[in-house]
Amino acid sequence: VRLAPLAFVITVVIMVQTAATTRSFPSDPDRPADIDRDFLGAGAGSASDILQDGTYVIDYTGAIDASVNSIADPGARLYLGANNFYTHTSGATSTPFSRLITVTDNSPASSTIDCLVSWQDRNGTYSYKAETVLYDWK
């Protein structure tokens, strides 16, 4: 499977999750969410790398960590940086969100991409999973 299209689809999945998170939890409730800024950061960082079969945490800087294997792993935690971008780098402001990307090679002609986002608030624990299958149709 050619992995460049895979990286592109993962970028789109992350952008959808970023938009939903940005709209749901704005950094400043008195101002509208700046989704374009978050799109730019998430898309540019994710598209810059090509992924293989495995589980990853990915942030807008292009940093990819393959050592995280579970959404409960502290490495999957999302933080809000000084620039108001979500990152997996600790030291920024902690958020209730965790994100994990899983790439599974189904065959030489297809791969499944899963994006799992989990968060907690006072009412409980929630999660959302987006999944797509990519085919090498060339």
C-alpha atoms as a PDB file:
ATOM      1  CA  VAL A   1       0.000   0.000   0.000  1.00  0.00           C
ATOM      2  CA  ARG A   2       1.345   3.392  -0.878  1.00  0.00           C
ATOM      3  CA  LEU A   3       1.531   5.362   2.356  1.00  0.00           C
ATOM      4  CA  ALA A   4       1.377   8.967   1.135  1.00  0.00           C
ATOM      5  CA  PRO A   5      -2.437   8.796   0.641  1.00  0.00           C
ATOM      6  CA  LEU A   6      -2.659   7.182   4.057  1.00  0.00           C
ATOM      7  CA  ALA A   7      -0.875  10.135   5.635  1.00  0.00           C
ATOM      8  CA  PHE A   8      -3.300  12.474   3.867  1.00  0.00           C
ATOM      9  CA  VAL A   9      -6.378  10.666   5.201  1.00  0.00           C
ATOM     10  CA  ILE A  10      -4.962  10.628   8.717  1.00  0.00           C
ATOM     11  CA  THR A  11      -4.482  14.376   8.352  1.00  0.00           C
ATOM     12  CA  VAL A  12      -8.163  14.775   7.457  1.00  0.00           C
ATOM     13  CA  VAL A  13      -9.274  12.607  10.399  1.00  0.00           C
ATOM     14  CA  ILE A  14      -7.170  14.684  12.794  1.00  0.00           C
ATOM     15  CA  MET A  15      -8.542  17.890  11.295  1.00  0.00           C
ATOM     16  CA  VAL A  16     -12.142  16.749  11.851  1.00  0.00           C
ATOM     17  CA  GLN A  17     -11.346  15.855  15.453  1.00  0.00           C
ATOM     18  CA  THR A  18      -9.524  19.160  15.937  1.00  0.00           C
ATOM     19  CA  ALA A  19     -12.486  21.152  14.598  1.00  0.00           C
ATOM     20  CA  ALA A  20     -14.923  19.355  16.867  1.00  0.00           C
ATOM     21  CA  THR A  21     -12.697  19.874  19.896  1.00  0.00           C
ATOM     22  CA  THR A  22     -12.044  23.538  19.049  1.00  0.00           C
ATOM     23  CA  ARG A  23     -15.749  24.293  18.695  1.00  0.00           C
ATOM     24  CA  SER A  24     -16.754  22.342  21.794  1.00  0.00           C
ATOM     25  CA  PHE A  25     -14.062  23.688  24.092  1.00  0.00           C
ATOM     26  CA  PRO A  26     -12.881  27.140  22.929  1.00  0.00           C
ATOM     27  CA  SER A  27      -9.781  28.496  24.652  1.00  0.00           C
ATOM     28  CA  ASP A  28     -11.568  31.813  25.213  1.00  0.00           C
ATOM     29  CA  PRO A  29     -15.361  31.534  25.669  1.00  0.00           C
ATOM     30  CA  ASP A  30     -15.776  35.238  24.860  1.00  0.00           C
ATOM     31  CA  ARG A  31     -14.303  34.892  21.358  1.00  0.00           C
ATOM     32  CA  PRO A  32     -15.251  32.569  18.493  1.00  0.00           C
ATOM     33  CA  ALA A  33     -13.042  29.510  18.034  1.00  0.00           C
ATOM     34  CA  ASP A  34     -10.191  29.890  15.533  1.00  0.00           C
ATOM     35  CA  ILE A  35     -10.649  26.585  13.706  1.00  0.00           C
ATOM     36  CA  ASP A  36      -8.604  27.655  10.673  1.00  0.00           C
ATOM     37  CA  ARG A  37      -5.506  28.038  12.838  1.00  0.00           C
ATOM     38  CA  ASP A  38      -5.984  24.587  14.352  1.00  0.00           C
ATOM     39  CA  PHE A  39      -6.615  23.077  10.896  1.00  0.00           C
ATOM     40  CA  LEU A  40      -3.385  24.516   9.571  1.00  0.00           C
ATOM     41  CA  GLY A  41      -1.326  23.199  12.447  1.00  0.00           C
ATOM     42  CA  ALA A  42      -2.854  19.715  12.540  1.00  0.00           C
ATOM     43  CA  GLY A  43      -2.826  19.233   8.781  1.00  0.00           C
ATOM     44  CA  ALA A  44       0.704  20.449   8.178  1.00  0.00           C
ATOM     45  CA  GLY A  45       2.160  18.345  10.944  1.00  0.00           C
ATOM     46  CA  SER A  46       0.368  15.140  10.040  1.00  0.00           C
ATOM     47  CA  ALA A  47       0.922  15.327   6.287  1.00  0.00           C
ATOM     48  CA  SER A  48       4.665  15.679   6.737  1.00  0.00           C
ATOM     49  CA  ASP A  49       5.107  12.082   7.847  1.00  0.00           C
ATOM     50  CA  ILE A  50       4.309   8.697   6.350  1.00  0.00           C
ATOM     51  CA  LEU A  51       3.018   6.057   8.734  1.00  0.00           C
ATOM     52  CA  GLN A  52       3.288   2.280   8.760  1.00  0.00           C
ATOM     53  CA  ASP A  53       1.200  -0.373  10.489  1.00  0.00           C
ATOM     54  CA  GLY A  54       0.993   0.568  14.197  1.00  0.00           C
ATOM     55  CA  THR A  55      -0.430   2.866  16.874  1.00  0.00           C
ATOM     56  CA  TYR A  56       0.624   6.508  17.091  1.00  0.00           C
ATOM     57  CA  VAL A  57       0.118   9.825  18.806  1.00  0.00           C
ATOM     58  CA  ILE A  58       0.483  12.714  16.359  1.00  0.00           C
ATOM     59  CA  ASP A  59       0.386  16.460  16.921  1.00  0.00           C
ATOM     60  CA  TYR A  60       0.545  19.602  14.820  1.00  0.00           C
ATOM     61  CA  THR A  61       4.338  19.855  15.036  1.00  0.00           C
ATOM     62  CA  GLY A  62       4.667  16.677  13.003  1.00  0.00           C
ATOM     63  CA  ALA A  63       5.876  14.782  16.047  1.00  0.00           C
ATOM     64  CA  ILE A  64       4.936  11.118  15.887  1.00  0.00           C
ATOM     65  CA  ASP A  65       5.334   8.750  18.819  1.00  0.00           C
ATOM     66  CA  ALA A  66       4.851   5.034  18.172  1.00  0.00           C
ATOM     67  CA  SER A  67       5.581   3.971  21.772  1.00  0.00           C
ATOM     68  CA  VAL A  68       2.036   4.677  23.012  1.00  0.00           C
ATOM     69  CA  ASN A  69      -0.198   1.604  22.762  1.00  0.00           C
ATOM     70  CA  SER A  70      -3.350   2.599  24.662  1.00  0.00           C
ATOM     71  CA  ILE A  71      -5.659   5.605  24.947  1.00  0.00           C
ATOM     72  CA  ALA A  72      -5.121   5.330  28.724  1.00  0.00           C
ATOM     73  CA  ASP A  73      -1.344   5.742  28.291  1.00  0.00           C
ATOM     74  CA  PRO A  74      -0.201   9.177  29.573  1.00  0.00           C
ATOM     75  CA  GLY A  75       1.514   9.738  26.191  1.00  0.00           C
ATOM     76  CA  ALA A  76      -1.891   9.891  24.465  1.00  0.00           C
ATOM     77  CA  ARG A  77      -2.953  12.890  26.615  1.00  0.00           C
ATOM     78  CA  LEU A  78      -3.509  16.148  24.721  1.00  0.00           C
ATOM     79  CA  TYR A  79      -2.217  19.443  26.119  1.00  0.00           C
ATOM     80  CA  LEU A  80      -3.031  22.993  25.089  1.00  0.00           C
ATOM     81  CA  GLY A  81       0.171  24.838  24.245  1.00  0.00           C
ATOM     82  CA  ALA A  82       0.924  28.550  24.642  1.00  0.00           C
ATOM     83  CA  ASN A  83      -0.065  29.000  20.969  1.00  0.00           C
ATOM     84  CA  ASN A  84      -3.471  27.361  21.687  1.00  0.00           C
ATOM     85  CA  PHE A  85      -2.642  24.290  19.552  1.00  0.00           C
ATOM     86  CA  TYR A  86      -3.265  20.823  20.931  1.00  0.00           C
ATOM     87  CA  THR A  87      -0.080  18.832  21.439  1.00  0.00           C
ATOM     88  CA  HIS A  88       1.041  15.599  23.085  1.00  0.00           C
ATOM     89  CA  THR A  89       3.971  17.397  24.714  1.00  0.00           C
ATOM     90  CA  SER A  90       3.605  17.559  28.468  1.00  0.00           C
ATOM     91  CA  GLY A  91       4.394  20.817  30.218  1.00  0.00           C
ATOM     92  CA  ALA A  92       1.613  22.719  28.478  1.00  0.00           C
ATOM     93  CA  THR A  93      -1.879  23.127  29.958  1.00  0.00           C
ATOM     94  CA  SER A  94      -3.445  19.722  30.540  1.00  0.00           C
ATOM     95  CA  THR A  95      -6.791  18.994  28.831  1.00  0.00           C
ATOM     96  CA  PRO A  96      -9.271  16.183  29.450  1.00  0.00           C
ATOM     97  CA  PHE A  97      -8.612  14.808  25.942  1.00  0.00           C
ATOM     98  CA  SER A  98      -6.519  11.877  24.720  1.00  0.00           C
ATOM     99  CA  ARG A  99      -6.050  10.917  21.052  1.00  0.00           C
ATOM    100  CA  LEU A 100      -4.684   7.760  19.467  1.00  0.00           C
ATOM    101  CA  ILE A 101      -4.271   6.906  15.767  1.00  0.00           C
ATOM    102  CA  THR A 102      -4.098   3.247  14.734  1.00  0.00           C
ATOM    103  CA  VAL A 103      -3.008   2.099  11.270  1.00  0.00           C
ATOM    104  CA  THR A 104      -3.737  -1.512  10.344  1.00  0.00           C
ATOM    105  CA  ASP A 105      -2.563  -3.048   7.070  1.00  0.00           C
ATOM    106  CA  ASN A 106      -5.436  -5.280   5.972  1.00  0.00           C
ATOM    107  CA  SER A 107      -3.748  -6.541   2.824  1.00  0.00           C
ATOM    108  CA  PRO A 108      -1.260  -5.243   0.266  1.00  0.00           C
ATOM    109  CA  ALA A 109      -4.132  -3.209  -1.184  1.00  0.00           C
ATOM    110  CA  SER A 110      -5.831  -1.671   1.872  1.00  0.00           C
ATOM    111  CA  SER A 111      -5.287  -0.169   5.322  1.00  0.00           C
ATOM    112  CA  THR A 112      -7.694   0.775   8.101  1.00  0.00           C
ATOM    113  CA  ILE A 113      -7.178   4.075   9.939  1.00  0.00           C
ATOM    114  CA  ASP A 114      -8.772   4.565  13.351  1.00  0.00           C
ATOM    115  CA  CYS A 115      -8.741   7.831  15.294  1.00  0.00           C
ATOM    116  CA  LEU A 116      -9.877   7.413  18.898  1.00  0.00           C
ATOM    117  CA  VAL A 117     -10.505  10.496  21.052  1.00  0.00           C
ATOM    118  CA  SER A 118     -11.370  10.065  24.714  1.00  0.00           C
ATOM    119  CA  TRP A 119     -12.173  12.656  27.356  1.00  0.00           C
ATOM    120  CA  GLN A 120     -13.508  12.964  30.879  1.00  0.00           C
ATOM    121  CA  ASP A 121     -15.678  15.570  32.514  1.00  0.00           C
ATOM    122  CA  ARG A 122     -17.677  15.658  35.725  1.00  0.00           C
ATOM    123  CA  ASN A 123     -20.435  13.543  34.152  1.00  0.00           C
ATOM    124  CA  GLY A 124     -18.253  10.640  33.040  1.00  0.00           C
ATOM    125  CA  THR A 125     -15.863   9.317  30.419  1.00  0.00           C
ATOM    126  CA  TYR A 126     -16.640   9.657  26.721  1.00  0.00           C
ATOM    127  CA  SER A 127     -14.988   8.539  23.521  1.00  0.00           C
ATOM    128  CA  TYR A 128     -15.410   8.998  19.797  1.00  0.00           C
ATOM    129  CA  LYS A 129     -13.898   6.771  17.143  1.00  0.00           C
ATOM    130  CA  ALA A 130     -13.592   7.674  13.478  1.00  0.00           C
ATOM    131  CA  GLU A 131     -12.581   4.900  11.100  1.00  0.00           C
ATOM    132  CA  THR A 132     -11.871   4.704   7.399  1.00  0.00           C
ATOM    133  CA  VAL A 133     -10.437   2.109   5.034  1.00  0.00           C
ATOM    134  CA  LEU A 134      -7.966   3.189   2.377  1.00  0.00           C
ATOM    135  CA  TYR A 135      -7.553   1.203  -0.830  1.00  0.00           C
ATOM    136  CA  ASP A 136      -4.632   1.235  -3.253  1.00  0.00           C
ATOM    137  CA  TRP A 137      -6.781   1.555  -6.337  1.00  0.00           C
ATOM    138  CA  LYS A 138      -4.022   2.336  -8.843  1.00  0.00           C
END
